[in-house]
N, C-alpha and C. Protein backbone atom coordinates (compact mmCIF):
# COMPACT_ATOMS: atom_id res chain seq x y z
N MET A 1 -27.53 1.44 33.62
CA MET A 1 -28.73 1.80 34.37
C MET A 1 -28.34 2.28 35.81
N ALA A 2 -28.98 3.25 36.28
CA ALA A 2 -28.67 3.76 37.66
C ALA A 2 -29.23 2.84 38.73
N ASP A 3 -28.54 2.70 39.81
CA ASP A 3 -29.10 1.85 40.88
C ASP A 3 -30.15 2.66 41.63
N GLY A 4 -30.85 2.02 42.56
CA GLY A 4 -31.91 2.73 43.33
C GLY A 4 -31.42 3.96 44.01
N LYS A 5 -30.25 3.86 44.58
CA LYS A 5 -29.75 5.08 45.36
C LYS A 5 -29.51 6.21 44.49
N ASP A 6 -28.85 6.00 43.20
CA ASP A 6 -28.76 7.08 42.33
C ASP A 6 -30.06 7.69 41.78
N THR A 7 -31.04 6.83 41.55
CA THR A 7 -32.26 7.21 41.07
C THR A 7 -32.99 8.08 42.15
N GLY A 8 -32.93 7.70 43.40
CA GLY A 8 -33.52 8.39 44.51
C GLY A 8 -32.82 9.87 44.64
N SER A 9 -31.52 9.80 44.40
CA SER A 9 -30.89 11.12 44.57
C SER A 9 -31.19 12.05 43.44
N LEU A 10 -31.42 11.57 42.29
CA LEU A 10 -31.81 12.34 41.14
C LEU A 10 -33.24 12.89 41.44
N ALA A 11 -34.06 12.00 41.88
CA ALA A 11 -35.51 12.47 42.12
C ALA A 11 -35.43 13.61 43.20
N GLU A 12 -34.69 13.46 44.16
CA GLU A 12 -34.56 14.44 45.22
C GLU A 12 -34.10 15.77 44.71
N ARG A 13 -33.08 15.74 43.87
CA ARG A 13 -32.52 16.91 43.27
C ARG A 13 -33.54 17.63 42.30
N VAL A 14 -34.23 16.80 41.45
CA VAL A 14 -35.18 17.38 40.51
C VAL A 14 -36.38 17.98 41.34
N ILE A 15 -36.80 17.28 42.38
CA ILE A 15 -38.01 17.91 43.18
C ILE A 15 -37.48 19.15 43.85
N ALA A 16 -36.27 19.24 44.37
CA ALA A 16 -35.79 20.45 44.97
C ALA A 16 -35.71 21.62 43.91
N ASP A 17 -35.12 21.23 42.80
CA ASP A 17 -34.99 22.30 41.76
C ASP A 17 -36.38 22.77 41.32
N SER A 18 -37.33 21.86 41.15
CA SER A 18 -38.71 22.25 40.72
C SER A 18 -39.39 23.15 41.79
N ARG A 19 -39.23 22.75 43.07
CA ARG A 19 -39.78 23.57 44.11
C ARG A 19 -39.30 24.95 44.12
N ALA A 20 -38.00 25.16 43.77
CA ALA A 20 -37.34 26.40 43.80
C ALA A 20 -37.62 27.27 42.57
N THR A 21 -37.97 26.61 41.45
CA THR A 21 -38.14 27.32 40.24
C THR A 21 -39.62 27.47 39.70
N MET A 22 -40.56 26.57 40.15
CA MET A 22 -41.77 26.57 39.63
C MET A 22 -42.74 27.37 40.51
N PRO A 23 -43.81 27.98 39.87
CA PRO A 23 -44.86 28.57 40.69
C PRO A 23 -45.51 27.50 41.51
N PRO A 24 -46.06 27.80 42.74
CA PRO A 24 -46.55 26.69 43.64
C PRO A 24 -47.62 25.84 42.95
N HIS A 25 -48.55 26.39 42.23
CA HIS A 25 -49.64 25.59 41.56
C HIS A 25 -49.04 24.57 40.57
N LEU A 26 -47.98 24.99 39.84
CA LEU A 26 -47.44 24.09 38.86
C LEU A 26 -46.58 22.97 39.59
N PHE A 27 -45.89 23.36 40.69
CA PHE A 27 -45.11 22.34 41.39
C PHE A 27 -46.09 21.32 42.00
N ASP A 28 -47.25 21.74 42.57
CA ASP A 28 -48.21 20.81 43.06
C ASP A 28 -48.73 19.85 42.04
N ALA A 29 -49.05 20.40 40.85
CA ALA A 29 -49.57 19.60 39.82
C ALA A 29 -48.46 18.57 39.34
N THR A 30 -47.21 19.01 39.28
CA THR A 30 -46.21 18.16 38.88
C THR A 30 -46.03 17.00 39.94
N MET A 31 -46.12 17.39 41.19
CA MET A 31 -45.93 16.30 42.19
C MET A 31 -47.13 15.28 42.17
N GLU A 32 -48.27 15.76 41.79
CA GLU A 32 -49.44 14.88 41.69
C GLU A 32 -49.15 13.85 40.56
N LEU A 33 -48.62 14.44 39.41
CA LEU A 33 -48.26 13.41 38.28
C LEU A 33 -47.30 12.50 38.65
N TYR A 34 -46.29 12.93 39.41
CA TYR A 34 -45.10 12.13 39.86
C TYR A 34 -45.64 11.03 40.78
N GLU A 35 -46.45 11.42 41.73
CA GLU A 35 -47.00 10.47 42.70
C GLU A 35 -47.92 9.39 42.01
N GLN A 36 -48.56 9.78 40.82
CA GLN A 36 -49.42 8.92 40.08
C GLN A 36 -48.59 7.98 39.25
N GLY A 37 -47.31 8.21 39.08
CA GLY A 37 -46.46 7.37 38.23
C GLY A 37 -46.62 7.76 36.82
N ARG A 38 -46.91 8.95 36.48
CA ARG A 38 -47.16 9.29 35.03
C ARG A 38 -46.02 10.06 34.47
N ILE A 39 -45.12 10.68 35.36
CA ILE A 39 -43.85 11.32 34.96
C ILE A 39 -42.77 10.84 35.85
N GLU A 40 -41.53 11.03 35.40
CA GLU A 40 -40.39 10.71 36.12
C GLU A 40 -39.25 11.80 36.05
N PRO A 41 -38.44 11.88 37.04
CA PRO A 41 -37.39 12.89 37.06
C PRO A 41 -36.34 12.50 36.03
N ARG A 42 -35.81 13.51 35.27
CA ARG A 42 -34.67 13.30 34.34
C ARG A 42 -33.71 14.30 34.32
N LEU A 43 -32.43 13.99 33.86
CA LEU A 43 -31.39 14.92 33.69
C LEU A 43 -31.35 15.10 32.21
N ILE A 44 -31.69 16.24 31.68
CA ILE A 44 -31.71 16.50 30.22
C ILE A 44 -30.75 17.62 29.91
N ASP A 45 -29.75 17.29 29.14
CA ASP A 45 -28.69 18.23 28.73
C ASP A 45 -28.13 18.99 29.91
N GLY A 46 -27.97 18.36 31.02
CA GLY A 46 -27.34 18.96 32.21
C GLY A 46 -28.41 19.77 33.04
N GLU A 47 -29.58 19.70 32.68
CA GLU A 47 -30.74 20.38 33.44
C GLU A 47 -31.66 19.36 34.03
N TYR A 48 -32.18 19.68 35.26
CA TYR A 48 -33.11 18.79 35.87
C TYR A 48 -34.52 19.01 35.20
N GLY A 49 -35.26 17.98 35.03
CA GLY A 49 -36.55 18.14 34.44
C GLY A 49 -37.41 16.89 34.66
N TRP A 50 -38.54 16.82 33.89
CA TRP A 50 -39.49 15.76 34.03
C TRP A 50 -39.79 15.14 32.64
N GLY A 51 -40.09 13.89 32.65
CA GLY A 51 -40.43 13.19 31.33
C GLY A 51 -41.57 12.26 31.46
N LEU A 52 -42.36 12.02 30.64
CA LEU A 52 -43.41 11.08 30.59
C LEU A 52 -42.89 9.72 30.79
N ILE A 53 -43.47 8.88 31.61
CA ILE A 53 -43.16 7.50 31.77
C ILE A 53 -43.41 6.77 30.40
N ASP A 54 -42.56 5.95 29.96
CA ASP A 54 -42.69 5.06 28.73
C ASP A 54 -42.53 5.95 27.45
N GLN A 55 -42.16 7.15 27.61
CA GLN A 55 -42.03 8.00 26.42
C GLN A 55 -40.59 7.79 25.83
N GLY A 56 -39.63 7.30 26.60
CA GLY A 56 -38.31 7.16 26.16
C GLY A 56 -37.61 8.46 26.28
N GLY A 57 -36.71 8.74 25.34
CA GLY A 57 -35.88 9.90 25.44
C GLY A 57 -34.54 9.63 25.95
N LYS A 58 -33.84 10.65 26.48
CA LYS A 58 -32.44 10.44 26.84
C LYS A 58 -32.19 9.56 28.04
N ASN A 59 -33.21 9.45 28.97
CA ASN A 59 -33.03 8.58 30.18
C ASN A 59 -33.85 7.35 30.06
N GLY A 60 -34.61 7.15 29.00
CA GLY A 60 -35.46 5.98 29.05
C GLY A 60 -35.64 5.33 27.83
């Protein structure tokens, strides 16, 4: 399990990647879901992305 520092660093990288690659309206909606605790940042097959909380998968 990653410690808090690693988790924070991953979140920062995923947010920066999302800001750079998503249209503004999609990034804003994604950040809203993240702030509500409905999604979490993930590293999936070497790519930054988002996953639903409690859905499991490669990071959960």
